[in-house]
Amino acid sequence: MTEIPAILLALLAFVLVIGPLVFLHEGGHYLAGRLFGVKAEEFSIGFGREVAGFTDKRGTRWRFSWIPLGGFVRFAGDMNPASEPTAEWLQLPAAEREKTFQAKKLWQRAIIVAAGPVTNFIIAILILGAFALIYGQNRTPTVAGTVVEGSPAATAGLQAGDRITALGGRSVDTFGDMARYTQLRPGERVTVAFERDGEARKVDAVIGTLVERDRFGNEYRIGQLGIGPGEPVLEKVGVLEAPWVGITTTASIMQSMVDGLGQIITGRRPVSEMAGPIRMAGISGQRLMMGPTEFVFLIALISINLGFINLLPIPVLDGGHLLLYAVEAVRRKPVEPQVVEWAFRGGLAAILALMLMVTVNDLGSYGVWKNLAGLIG
């Protein structure tokens, strides 16, 4: 495959992932708004100039825009980024004002705002639950089938047959739980709790670091203890159990995201590992080439990412709105408009700085800066 078709495939895959997920995220806001009688003035599928559109009987303008990367919903009364009432809102007739976002009770506004991220989580739960129903759930126990000679586990004194019960104080129920914990912590010291011949024991180990490259040239630092699984256990999942498996798997992935973010904030993991839209487009194209199962699983992962990121307590994001609503609930009065305005300016600046940083990371991962330096030199 030549370079140009590969780029086009990556762009197509990225649009197929991000576009529907952001659209469904906004659809969550829209449906919650309708539930509480809020009029949606505009629902844009895509960004930029309108290519085509129509106005439905409720007065909502449905726009199809030329940049197919998501969309947005604009409610009546939601007249500025901070969703603060304005003089224009106060001048509306009482009947029209009742249909606006700002006229609703605090808890109703909070549900409308939270509905977007919740929709992303529901999408992931449905996908992961369906996978469990089709393929079963890996319940391989935490018993060490093998211990690699010279590995961190062997150095710490672990032996084949030991049953690992906790890593770093966090209980592990399956071998998959162990793998997820160690893979995120290369080079870190961890306390391993285990059972040997019915006796509870603990040892300290330094998780090893394995640098791997996938078939597309992407490089990853992965933590490894050097423990191999025993006999694999794949359990069938019934229709009624599948949603719960989807929920627990989504929660486990979110826990890994929280761990990764905490490592970046504390400096244990470099910020260069944060991926932006360029690298995500490349990964989307790669997953699409690997087949529909891998691609759909990526959709679930990115959907969880979108929900998680949007719940961060940063003004401009949904989580920032919810934080302000929480403060309002505690104070029993809205946050002052000037405070909200400066908070949203700061949040916007932080988001733009983050986008710039991850874009620089993405370009660096493709060798742009190295090549540029070579040309200049």
Protein backbone atom coordinates (compact mmCIF):
# COMPACT_ATOMS: atom_id res chain seq x y z
CA MET A 1 0.00 0.00 0.00
CA THR A 2 1.45 3.36 -1.05
CA GLU A 3 1.73 6.27 1.34
CA ILE A 4 -1.13 8.36 -0.09
CA PRO A 5 -3.76 5.57 0.02
CA ALA A 6 -2.59 4.77 3.56
CA ILE A 7 -3.18 8.39 4.58
CA LEU A 8 -6.61 8.39 2.94
CA LEU A 9 -7.48 5.13 4.72
CA ALA A 10 -6.41 6.63 8.06
CA LEU A 11 -8.56 9.73 7.46
CA LEU A 12 -11.54 7.61 6.41
CA ALA A 13 -11.19 5.36 9.46
CA PHE A 14 -10.85 8.35 11.78
CA VAL A 15 -14.01 9.92 10.36
CA LEU A 16 -15.84 6.59 10.75
CA VAL A 17 -14.81 6.47 14.42
CA ILE A 18 -14.97 10.06 15.64
CA GLY A 19 -17.86 11.31 13.54
CA PRO A 20 -20.55 8.90 14.80
CA LEU A 21 -19.24 8.90 18.39
CA VAL A 22 -19.34 12.68 18.73
CA PHE A 23 -22.72 12.75 16.97
CA LEU A 24 -24.10 10.19 19.44
CA HIS A 25 -22.53 12.14 22.33
CA GLU A 26 -24.43 15.24 21.24
CA GLY A 27 -27.49 13.08 20.63
CA GLY A 28 -27.39 12.17 24.32
CA HIS A 29 -27.56 15.85 25.22
CA TYR A 30 -30.37 16.35 22.70
CA LEU A 31 -32.56 13.49 23.98
CA ALA A 32 -32.09 14.51 27.62
CA GLY A 33 -33.02 18.06 26.68
CA ARG A 34 -36.18 16.87 24.95
CA LEU A 35 -37.05 14.79 28.03
CA PHE A 36 -37.16 17.99 30.11
CA GLY A 37 -38.87 20.10 27.47
CA VAL A 38 -35.85 22.11 26.30
CA LYS A 39 -36.06 23.32 22.72
CA ALA A 40 -33.05 22.45 20.56
CA GLU A 41 -32.56 25.31 18.13
CA GLU A 42 -29.83 23.64 16.13
CA PHE A 43 -28.28 20.19 15.74
CA SER A 44 -25.26 20.17 13.48
CA ILE A 45 -23.94 16.94 12.00
CA GLY A 46 -20.38 17.98 11.30
CA PHE A 47 -18.69 21.35 11.65
CA GLY A 48 -18.20 24.37 9.44
CA ARG A 49 -20.46 25.71 6.71
CA GLU A 50 -23.83 24.06 6.22
CA VAL A 51 -24.05 21.92 3.09
CA ALA A 52 -27.68 20.89 3.48
CA GLY A 53 -30.31 20.87 6.18
CA PHE A 54 -33.94 21.05 7.20
CA THR A 55 -36.05 22.39 10.06
CA ASP A 56 -38.31 19.89 11.82
CA LYS A 57 -41.76 20.55 13.31
CA ARG A 58 -40.22 21.37 16.71
CA GLY A 59 -38.22 24.19 15.17
CA THR A 60 -34.87 22.40 15.35
CA ARG A 61 -32.54 23.13 12.43
CA TRP A 62 -30.76 19.93 11.42
CA ARG A 63 -27.56 20.92 9.63
CA PHE A 64 -25.23 18.76 7.58
CA SER A 65 -21.88 20.49 7.53
CA TRP A 66 -18.83 19.92 5.39
CA ILE A 67 -16.37 18.73 8.12
CA PRO A 68 -17.77 15.30 9.16
CA LEU A 69 -16.03 15.08 12.54
CA GLY A 70 -18.88 15.02 15.03
CA GLY A 71 -21.30 17.83 15.62
CA PHE A 72 -23.03 19.90 18.27
CA VAL A 73 -26.45 20.71 19.68
CA ARG A 74 -27.46 24.25 20.67
CA PHE A 75 -30.37 24.64 23.06
CA ALA A 76 -32.61 27.65 23.35
CA GLY A 77 -31.23 29.85 26.12
CA ASP A 78 -27.72 28.36 25.81
CA MET A 79 -26.45 31.66 24.48
CA ASN A 80 -22.80 31.57 25.44
CA PRO A 81 -20.08 28.94 26.08
CA ALA A 82 -20.61 29.16 29.84
CA SER A 83 -24.37 28.59 29.48
CA GLU A 84 -25.01 31.73 31.53
CA PRO A 85 -28.27 33.74 31.25
CA THR A 86 -27.96 36.93 29.24
CA ALA A 87 -29.99 40.10 28.83
CA GLU A 88 -31.36 38.62 25.61
CA TRP A 89 -32.61 35.59 27.56
CA LEU A 90 -34.31 37.77 30.18
CA GLN A 91 -36.24 39.60 27.44
CA LEU A 92 -37.81 36.42 26.08
CA PRO A 93 -41.57 35.91 26.59
CA ALA A 94 -42.35 33.67 29.56
CA ALA A 95 -43.65 30.82 27.35
CA GLU A 96 -40.47 30.78 25.27
CA ARG A 97 -38.21 31.19 28.28
CA GLU A 98 -39.78 28.07 29.84
CA LYS A 99 -38.41 26.01 26.92
CA THR A 100 -34.86 27.26 27.35
CA PHE A 101 -31.94 25.44 28.93
CA GLN A 102 -31.42 28.06 31.64
CA ALA A 103 -35.04 27.89 32.78
CA LYS A 104 -34.65 24.31 33.95
CA LYS A 105 -33.86 23.22 37.48
CA LEU A 106 -30.26 22.64 38.43
CA TRP A 107 -30.59 18.84 38.55
CA GLN A 108 -32.24 18.81 35.13
CA ARG A 109 -29.44 20.88 33.59
CA ALA A 110 -26.90 18.54 35.20
CA ILE A 111 -28.60 15.49 33.67
CA ILE A 112 -28.68 17.14 30.24
CA VAL A 113 -24.97 17.92 30.44
CA ALA A 114 -24.03 14.48 31.80
CA ALA A 115 -26.11 12.68 29.15
CA GLY A 116 -23.40 13.14 26.51
CA PRO A 117 -20.58 11.31 28.33
CA VAL A 118 -23.06 8.73 29.67
CA THR A 119 -24.08 7.96 26.07
CA ASN A 120 -20.43 7.31 25.21
CA PHE A 121 -20.17 4.87 28.10
CA ILE A 122 -23.39 3.12 27.07
CA ILE A 123 -22.02 2.65 23.53
CA ALA A 124 -18.87 1.04 24.94
CA ILE A 125 -20.87 -1.15 27.32
CA LEU A 126 -23.04 -2.42 24.46
CA ILE A 127 -20.01 -3.20 22.27
CA LEU A 128 -18.01 -4.89 25.02
CA GLY A 129 -21.06 -6.77 26.26
CA ALA A 130 -21.72 -8.02 22.71
CA PHE A 131 -18.10 -9.17 22.42
CA ALA A 132 -18.45 -11.11 25.67
CA LEU A 133 -21.67 -12.69 24.42
CA ILE A 134 -20.06 -13.73 21.12
CA TYR A 135 -16.55 -14.70 22.24
CA GLY A 136 -16.95 -15.38 25.96
CA GLN A 137 -15.07 -13.82 28.88
CA ASN A 138 -11.46 -14.60 29.72
CA ARG A 139 -11.41 -15.70 33.36
CA THR A 140 -7.92 -17.21 33.44
CA PRO A 141 -6.93 -17.26 37.16
CA THR A 142 -3.96 -15.41 38.62
CA VAL A 143 -1.98 -18.60 39.25
CA ALA A 144 1.53 -18.38 37.80
CA GLY A 145 1.82 -21.07 35.15
CA THR A 146 5.45 -20.16 34.45
CA VAL A 147 7.99 -17.73 35.87
CA VAL A 148 10.58 -16.54 33.33
CA GLU A 149 14.13 -17.11 34.49
CA GLY A 150 15.90 -13.84 35.36
CA SER A 151 12.63 -11.87 35.26
CA PRO A 152 11.51 -9.44 38.00
CA ALA A 153 9.14 -12.14 39.30
CA ALA A 154 11.94 -14.71 39.52
CA THR A 155 14.27 -12.19 41.18
CA ALA A 156 11.57 -11.48 43.78
CA GLY A 157 11.27 -15.19 44.53
CA LEU A 158 7.93 -15.96 42.90
CA GLN A 159 7.42 -19.52 41.68
CA ALA A 160 5.14 -21.40 39.32
CA GLY A 161 1.95 -22.32 41.18
CA ASP A 162 1.85 -19.12 43.28
CA ARG A 163 -1.55 -17.41 43.18
CA ILE A 164 -1.25 -13.63 42.95
CA THR A 165 -3.92 -11.91 45.04
CA ALA A 166 -2.94 -8.21 44.83
CA LEU A 167 -0.49 -5.87 43.09
CA GLY A 168 0.39 -2.58 44.76
CA GLY A 169 -2.48 -3.05 47.19
CA ARG A 170 -5.02 -3.52 44.39
CA SER A 171 -6.73 -6.91 44.29
CA VAL A 172 -6.55 -8.90 41.05
CA ASP A 173 -9.12 -11.56 40.17
CA THR A 174 -7.95 -12.67 36.73
CA PHE A 175 -4.71 -12.87 34.82
CA GLY A 176 -6.03 -10.06 32.63
CA ASP A 177 -6.25 -7.81 35.71
CA MET A 178 -2.59 -8.55 36.43
CA ALA A 179 -1.55 -7.82 32.85
CA ARG A 180 -3.39 -4.48 32.74
CA TYR A 181 -1.80 -3.40 36.02
CA THR A 182 1.77 -4.29 35.11
CA GLN A 183 1.67 -3.10 31.50
CA LEU A 184 0.99 0.47 32.63
CA ARG A 185 3.85 0.54 35.16
CA PRO A 186 7.19 -0.23 33.51
CA GLY A 187 10.10 0.32 35.89
CA GLU A 188 7.93 0.84 38.98
CA ARG A 189 8.41 -0.93 42.31
CA VAL A 190 5.33 -2.85 43.40
CA THR A 191 4.33 -5.05 46.33
CA VAL A 192 3.12 -8.45 45.17
CA ALA A 193 0.72 -10.27 47.51
CA PHE A 194 0.36 -13.97 46.77
CA GLU A 195 -0.52 -17.34 48.23
CA ARG A 196 1.79 -20.37 48.27
CA ASP A 197 0.55 -23.66 49.69
CA GLY A 198 -2.30 -21.80 51.39
CA GLU A 199 0.04 -19.32 53.09
CA ALA A 200 -0.32 -15.58 52.40
CA ARG A 201 2.96 -13.87 51.51
CA LYS A 202 4.25 -10.54 50.16
CA VAL A 203 7.35 -9.55 48.19
CA ASP A 204 8.55 -6.39 46.47
CA ALA A 205 9.43 -6.44 42.78
CA VAL A 206 10.50 -3.89 40.17
CA ILE A 207 8.36 -4.29 37.06
CA GLY A 208 10.50 -4.83 33.97
CA THR A 209 10.30 -2.69 30.84
CA LEU A 210 9.75 -4.21 27.42
CA VAL A 211 9.95 -1.97 24.33
CA GLU A 212 7.82 -3.38 21.54
CA ARG A 213 7.07 -2.33 17.99
CA ASP A 214 3.89 -3.40 16.26
CA ARG A 215 3.70 -4.24 12.56
CA PHE A 216 2.98 -0.59 11.77
CA GLY A 217 6.16 0.66 13.47
CA ASN A 218 4.51 2.09 16.59
CA GLU A 219 6.74 1.79 19.68
CA TYR A 220 5.39 1.01 23.15
CA ARG A 221 6.94 0.73 26.63
CA ILE A 222 5.20 -2.16 28.39
CA GLY A 223 5.66 -3.30 31.96
CA GLN A 224 6.22 -7.02 32.59
CA LEU A 225 6.75 -9.13 35.70
CA GLY A 226 7.75 -12.26 33.81
CA ILE A 227 4.79 -14.43 34.87
CA GLY A 228 3.04 -16.62 32.33
CA PRO A 229 -0.58 -17.75 32.69
CA GLY A 230 -1.65 -21.26 33.48
CA GLU A 231 -4.42 -23.09 31.67
CA PRO A 232 -6.61 -20.45 29.97
CA VAL A 233 -10.22 -20.28 31.12
CA LEU A 234 -12.81 -18.85 28.73
CA GLU A 235 -16.29 -18.70 30.21
CA LYS A 236 -19.47 -18.45 28.18
CA VAL A 237 -21.57 -15.36 28.85
CA GLY A 238 -25.35 -15.36 28.70
CA VAL A 239 -27.61 -12.64 27.34
CA LEU A 240 -28.57 -11.41 30.80
CA GLU A 241 -24.97 -11.42 32.04
CA ALA A 242 -23.47 -9.67 28.99
CA PRO A 243 -24.48 -6.10 30.00
CA TRP A 244 -22.83 -6.53 33.41
CA VAL A 245 -19.66 -7.83 31.75
CA GLY A 246 -19.76 -4.75 29.49
CA ILE A 247 -20.09 -2.49 32.54
CA THR A 248 -17.24 -4.12 34.48
CA THR A 249 -14.96 -4.15 31.43
CA THR A 250 -15.70 -0.47 30.78
CA ALA A 251 -14.96 0.33 34.42
CA SER A 252 -11.67 -1.58 34.21
CA ILE A 253 -10.62 0.36 31.11
CA MET A 254 -11.54 3.64 32.80
CA GLN A 255 -9.42 2.64 35.80
CA SER A 256 -6.47 2.17 33.43
CA MET A 257 -7.12 5.63 31.97
CA VAL A 258 -7.15 7.18 35.45
CA ASP A 259 -3.89 5.37 36.26
CA GLY A 260 -2.27 6.56 33.03
CA LEU A 261 -3.38 10.16 33.58
CA GLY A 262 -2.08 10.05 37.14
CA GLN A 263 1.29 8.78 35.90
CA ILE A 264 1.57 11.63 33.40
CA ILE A 265 0.61 14.25 36.01
CA THR A 266 3.16 12.89 38.51
CA GLY A 267 5.90 12.58 35.88
CA ARG A 268 6.14 8.78 35.97
CA ARG A 269 5.14 8.58 32.32
CA PRO A 270 6.32 11.09 29.67
CA VAL A 271 3.78 13.44 28.09
CA SER A 272 5.17 12.37 24.71
CA GLU A 273 3.05 9.22 25.05
CA MET A 274 -0.15 11.26 24.86
CA ALA A 275 -1.72 10.81 21.43
CA GLY A 276 -3.62 13.45 19.52
CA PRO A 277 -5.90 13.38 16.47
CA ILE A 278 -3.09 12.69 13.96
CA ARG A 279 -1.84 9.60 15.77
CA MET A 280 -5.40 8.50 16.50
CA ALA A 281 -6.16 8.72 12.77
CA GLY A 282 -3.16 6.49 12.10
CA ILE A 283 -4.25 3.99 14.74
CA SER A 284 -7.80 4.00 13.32
CA GLY A 285 -6.48 3.15 9.87
CA GLN A 286 -4.32 0.37 11.28
CA ARG A 287 -7.22 -1.16 13.22
CA LEU A 288 -9.43 -0.98 10.14
CA MET A 289 -6.78 -2.95 8.22
CA MET A 290 -6.69 -5.55 11.01
CA GLY A 291 -10.36 -6.38 10.55
CA PRO A 292 -13.83 -5.42 11.76
CA THR A 293 -13.45 -6.91 15.25
CA GLU A 294 -10.33 -4.86 16.03
CA PHE A 295 -11.91 -1.74 14.52
CA VAL A 296 -15.14 -2.07 16.53
CA PHE A 297 -13.10 -2.67 19.70
CA LEU A 298 -11.22 0.57 18.95
CA ILE A 299 -14.57 2.36 18.67
CA ALA A 300 -15.42 1.14 22.18
CA LEU A 301 -12.05 2.35 23.53
CA ILE A 302 -12.36 5.78 21.94
CA SER A 303 -15.96 6.08 23.11
CA ILE A 304 -14.78 5.48 26.69
CA ASN A 305 -12.01 8.03 26.13
CA LEU A 306 -14.50 10.64 24.92
CA GLY A 307 -16.77 10.06 27.88
CA PHE A 308 -13.87 10.14 30.34
CA ILE A 309 -12.25 13.26 28.89
CA ASN A 310 -15.53 15.14 28.76
CA LEU A 311 -16.11 14.44 32.45
CA LEU A 312 -12.80 16.02 33.48
CA PRO A 313 -13.55 19.08 35.68
CA ILE A 314 -12.23 21.55 33.12
CA PRO A 315 -14.41 24.51 32.14
CA VAL A 316 -15.57 24.26 28.51
CA LEU A 317 -15.91 20.47 28.89
CA ASP A 318 -19.07 18.83 30.27
CA GLY A 319 -17.23 18.07 33.50
CA GLY A 320 -16.52 21.78 33.94
CA HIS A 321 -20.23 22.56 33.69
CA LEU A 322 -21.01 19.83 36.21
CA LEU A 323 -18.37 21.20 38.58
CA LEU A 324 -19.96 24.65 38.43
CA TYR A 325 -23.38 23.10 39.04
CA ALA A 326 -21.98 21.30 42.10
CA VAL A 327 -20.61 24.58 43.43
CA GLU A 328 -23.98 26.19 42.75
CA ALA A 329 -25.76 23.41 44.65
CA VAL A 330 -23.48 23.84 47.67
CA ARG A 331 -23.67 27.67 47.66
CA ARG A 332 -27.39 27.63 46.81
CA LYS A 333 -26.77 30.35 44.24
CA PRO A 334 -25.10 30.49 40.81
CA VAL A 335 -21.40 31.22 40.48
CA GLU A 336 -20.77 34.87 39.63
CA PRO A 337 -20.74 35.49 35.84
CA GLN A 338 -17.28 37.08 35.86
CA VAL A 339 -15.84 34.05 37.69
CA VAL A 340 -17.48 31.71 35.19
CA GLU A 341 -16.17 33.78 32.27
CA TRP A 342 -12.57 33.67 33.50
CA ALA A 343 -12.86 29.98 34.36
CA PHE A 344 -13.98 29.21 30.82
CA ARG A 345 -11.24 31.35 29.33
CA GLY A 346 -8.71 29.43 31.38
CA GLY A 347 -10.29 26.10 30.43
CA LEU A 348 -10.24 27.00 26.74
CA ALA A 349 -6.59 28.05 26.98
CA ALA A 350 -5.75 24.76 28.70
CA ILE A 351 -7.55 22.71 26.04
CA LEU A 352 -5.85 24.61 23.20
CA ALA A 353 -2.44 24.16 24.87
CA LEU A 354 -3.13 20.44 25.28
CA MET A 355 -4.17 20.12 21.64
CA LEU A 356 -0.98 21.89 20.55
CA MET A 357 1.15 19.61 22.73
CA VAL A 358 -0.40 16.35 21.50
CA THR A 359 -0.17 17.55 17.90
CA VAL A 360 3.55 18.20 18.40
CA ASN A 361 3.81 14.70 19.91
CA ASP A 362 1.97 13.20 16.96
CA LEU A 363 4.20 14.89 14.40
CA GLY A 364 7.26 13.80 16.37
CA SER A 365 6.06 10.19 16.40
CA TYR A 366 6.00 10.27 12.58
CA GLY A 367 9.55 11.67 12.46
CA VAL A 368 8.55 15.14 11.24
CA TRP A 369 10.82 17.06 13.60
CA LYS A 370 13.77 14.69 13.02
CA ASN A 371 13.42 15.02 9.27
CA LEU A 372 13.03 18.79 9.53
CA ALA A 373 16.16 19.02 11.66
CA GLY A 374 18.01 16.97 9.05
CA LEU A 375 16.92 19.28 6.27
CA ILE A 376 17.94 22.38 8.23
CA GLY A 377 21.27 20.80 9.20
